[in-house]
Amino acid sequence: MERMLIFYMLFFCSSMALTATPQKTAKYKQVLKTIRLLETTVKDKDVELLHTPENPVDECLSTAVKCFQKGVLQLQPENSSVNGTFTQTITVLKRFTYVEKRDSPGECQSSCESYEKKNPREFLESFEKLIRKVIR
């Protein structure tokens, strides 16, 4: 009886672990779709350049995501006809949370201001690359 109980507990725990990963992947894929949608509605001319993390090391992924979220708040809609869509996509990205893996030892030494400034489209392309890196 004891062996059966242990077997069922191990089976239950392993099945829960397997279902958690696809949920996170689905969440990150939704963020990717949101970024792509935002790329089509963002104003790219005559705007402020944004600090754009590129190729951050694993210890800095969380910091890079926070930099992108901070930068997203500074984006502007291309025109008034896309304002509703733009506002919704900004809200989705603002609520996005990244939980970093605890495998990454060390702390990030770079701040948002240490990254090069780029235009909004390049900023969003780099954000998309970062989310793809997180998914892997």
Protein backbone atom coordinates (compact mmCIF):
# COMPACT_ATOMS: atom_id res chain seq x y z
CA MET A 1 0.00 0.00 0.00
CA GLU A 2 2.83 2.32 0.88
CA ARG A 3 4.48 1.76 -2.50
CA MET A 4 1.25 2.51 -4.32
CA LEU A 5 0.85 5.77 -2.41
CA ILE A 6 4.42 6.81 -3.19
CA PHE A 7 3.92 5.89 -6.85
CA TYR A 8 0.76 8.02 -7.09
CA MET A 9 2.45 10.95 -5.35
CA LEU A 10 5.43 10.81 -7.76
CA PHE A 11 3.10 10.47 -10.74
CA PHE A 12 1.03 13.45 -9.60
CA CYS A 13 4.07 15.64 -8.93
CA SER A 14 5.70 14.82 -12.27
CA SER A 15 2.50 15.51 -14.19
CA MET A 16 2.16 18.89 -12.44
CA ALA A 17 5.74 19.79 -13.36
CA LEU A 18 5.09 18.93 -17.00
CA THR A 19 1.96 21.10 -17.20
CA ALA A 20 3.63 24.16 -15.64
CA THR A 21 6.21 24.59 -18.40
CA PRO A 22 3.78 24.82 -21.37
CA GLN A 23 1.78 27.42 -19.43
CA LYS A 24 4.83 29.68 -19.15
CA THR A 25 5.72 29.12 -22.78
CA ALA A 26 2.19 30.05 -23.81
CA LYS A 27 2.41 33.21 -21.69
CA TYR A 28 5.70 34.21 -23.34
CA LYS A 29 4.31 33.48 -26.81
CA GLN A 30 1.38 35.79 -26.01
CA VAL A 31 3.88 38.50 -25.05
CA LEU A 32 5.65 37.96 -28.40
CA LYS A 33 2.36 38.45 -30.26
CA THR A 34 1.71 41.59 -28.24
CA ILE A 35 5.13 43.01 -29.09
CA ARG A 36 4.58 42.31 -32.80
CA LEU A 37 1.21 44.07 -32.63
CA LEU A 38 2.80 47.02 -30.87
CA GLU A 39 5.48 47.26 -33.57
CA THR A 40 2.77 48.09 -36.11
CA THR A 41 1.12 50.78 -33.99
CA VAL A 42 4.09 52.61 -32.46
CA LYS A 43 5.29 56.01 -33.57
CA ASP A 44 8.84 55.75 -34.86
CA LYS A 45 9.67 59.23 -36.13
CA ASP A 46 10.46 62.31 -34.03
CA VAL A 47 10.39 60.38 -30.75
CA GLU A 48 12.68 59.93 -27.81
CA LEU A 49 15.29 57.19 -28.13
CA LEU A 50 15.04 54.38 -25.59
CA HIS A 51 17.67 52.43 -23.65
CA THR A 52 17.71 49.06 -25.41
CA PRO A 53 19.24 46.00 -23.72
CA GLU A 54 20.80 43.73 -26.32
CA ASN A 55 22.14 40.25 -25.65
CA PRO A 56 22.06 40.48 -21.86
CA VAL A 57 23.85 37.77 -19.93
CA ASP A 58 21.66 35.32 -18.01
CA GLU A 59 22.17 37.17 -14.72
CA CYS A 60 20.73 40.31 -16.34
CA LEU A 61 17.59 38.89 -17.98
CA SER A 62 15.32 40.11 -15.20
CA THR A 63 16.91 43.58 -15.27
CA ALA A 64 16.60 43.70 -19.07
CA VAL A 65 12.88 42.81 -18.91
CA LYS A 66 12.35 45.61 -16.37
CA CYS A 67 14.21 48.03 -18.67
CA PHE A 68 11.96 47.08 -21.55
CA GLN A 69 8.85 47.48 -19.42
CA LYS A 70 10.05 50.90 -18.34
CA GLY A 71 10.77 51.85 -21.97
CA VAL A 72 7.39 50.58 -23.20
CA LEU A 73 5.72 53.23 -21.04
CA GLN A 74 7.52 55.93 -23.05
CA LEU A 75 6.24 54.71 -26.43
CA GLN A 76 3.62 56.73 -28.31
CA PRO A 77 0.90 55.59 -30.75
CA GLU A 78 1.51 56.21 -34.42
CA ASN A 79 -1.81 58.05 -34.79
CA SER A 80 -5.16 58.46 -33.03
CA SER A 81 -6.83 55.64 -35.00
CA VAL A 82 -4.59 53.03 -33.33
CA ASN A 83 -4.78 54.56 -29.85
CA GLY A 84 -7.16 51.89 -28.42
CA THR A 85 -5.07 48.97 -29.65
CA PHE A 86 -1.90 50.70 -28.55
CA THR A 87 -3.23 51.27 -25.02
CA GLN A 88 -4.31 47.64 -24.67
CA THR A 89 -0.94 46.29 -25.80
CA ILE A 90 0.91 48.60 -23.43
CA THR A 91 -1.28 47.36 -20.55
CA VAL A 92 -0.49 43.71 -21.40
CA LEU A 93 3.26 44.38 -21.47
CA LYS A 94 3.12 46.43 -18.29
CA ARG A 95 1.50 43.51 -16.41
CA PHE A 96 3.92 40.93 -17.79
CA THR A 97 6.15 39.42 -15.13
CA TYR A 98 9.30 37.46 -15.72
CA VAL A 99 10.34 34.96 -13.10
CA GLU A 100 14.01 34.27 -13.52
CA LYS A 101 15.53 30.85 -13.13
CA ARG A 102 17.47 30.41 -9.94
CA ASP A 103 20.19 28.55 -11.87
CA SER A 104 21.85 31.86 -12.79
CA PRO A 105 24.47 32.67 -10.17
CA GLY A 106 25.63 36.20 -9.54
CA GLU A 107 24.02 39.58 -9.83
CA CYS A 108 23.57 41.86 -12.77
CA GLN A 109 26.01 44.75 -12.80
CA SER A 110 24.34 46.81 -15.54
CA SER A 111 21.49 49.29 -15.24
CA CYS A 112 18.98 50.41 -17.86
CA GLU A 113 20.95 53.58 -18.49
CA SER A 114 24.07 51.60 -19.39
CA TYR A 115 22.46 50.31 -22.59
CA GLU A 116 22.61 52.10 -25.93
CA LYS A 117 19.60 54.22 -26.94
CA LYS A 118 17.67 53.18 -30.04
CA ASN A 119 14.49 54.11 -31.86
CA PRO A 120 11.18 52.47 -30.82
CA ARG A 121 11.10 49.84 -33.61
CA GLU A 122 14.64 48.64 -32.81
CA PHE A 123 13.73 48.74 -29.13
CA LEU A 124 10.74 46.44 -29.74
CA GLU A 125 12.78 44.12 -31.98
CA SER A 126 15.31 43.71 -29.17
CA PHE A 127 12.49 43.08 -26.68
CA GLU A 128 11.19 40.36 -29.00
CA LYS A 129 14.67 38.76 -29.17
CA LEU A 130 14.89 38.80 -25.38
CA ILE A 131 11.52 37.04 -24.99
CA ARG A 132 12.61 34.43 -27.54
CA LYS A 133 15.77 33.87 -25.47
CA VAL A 134 13.65 33.46 -22.33
CA ILE A 135 11.45 30.86 -24.06
CA ARG A 136 14.45 28.66 -24.90
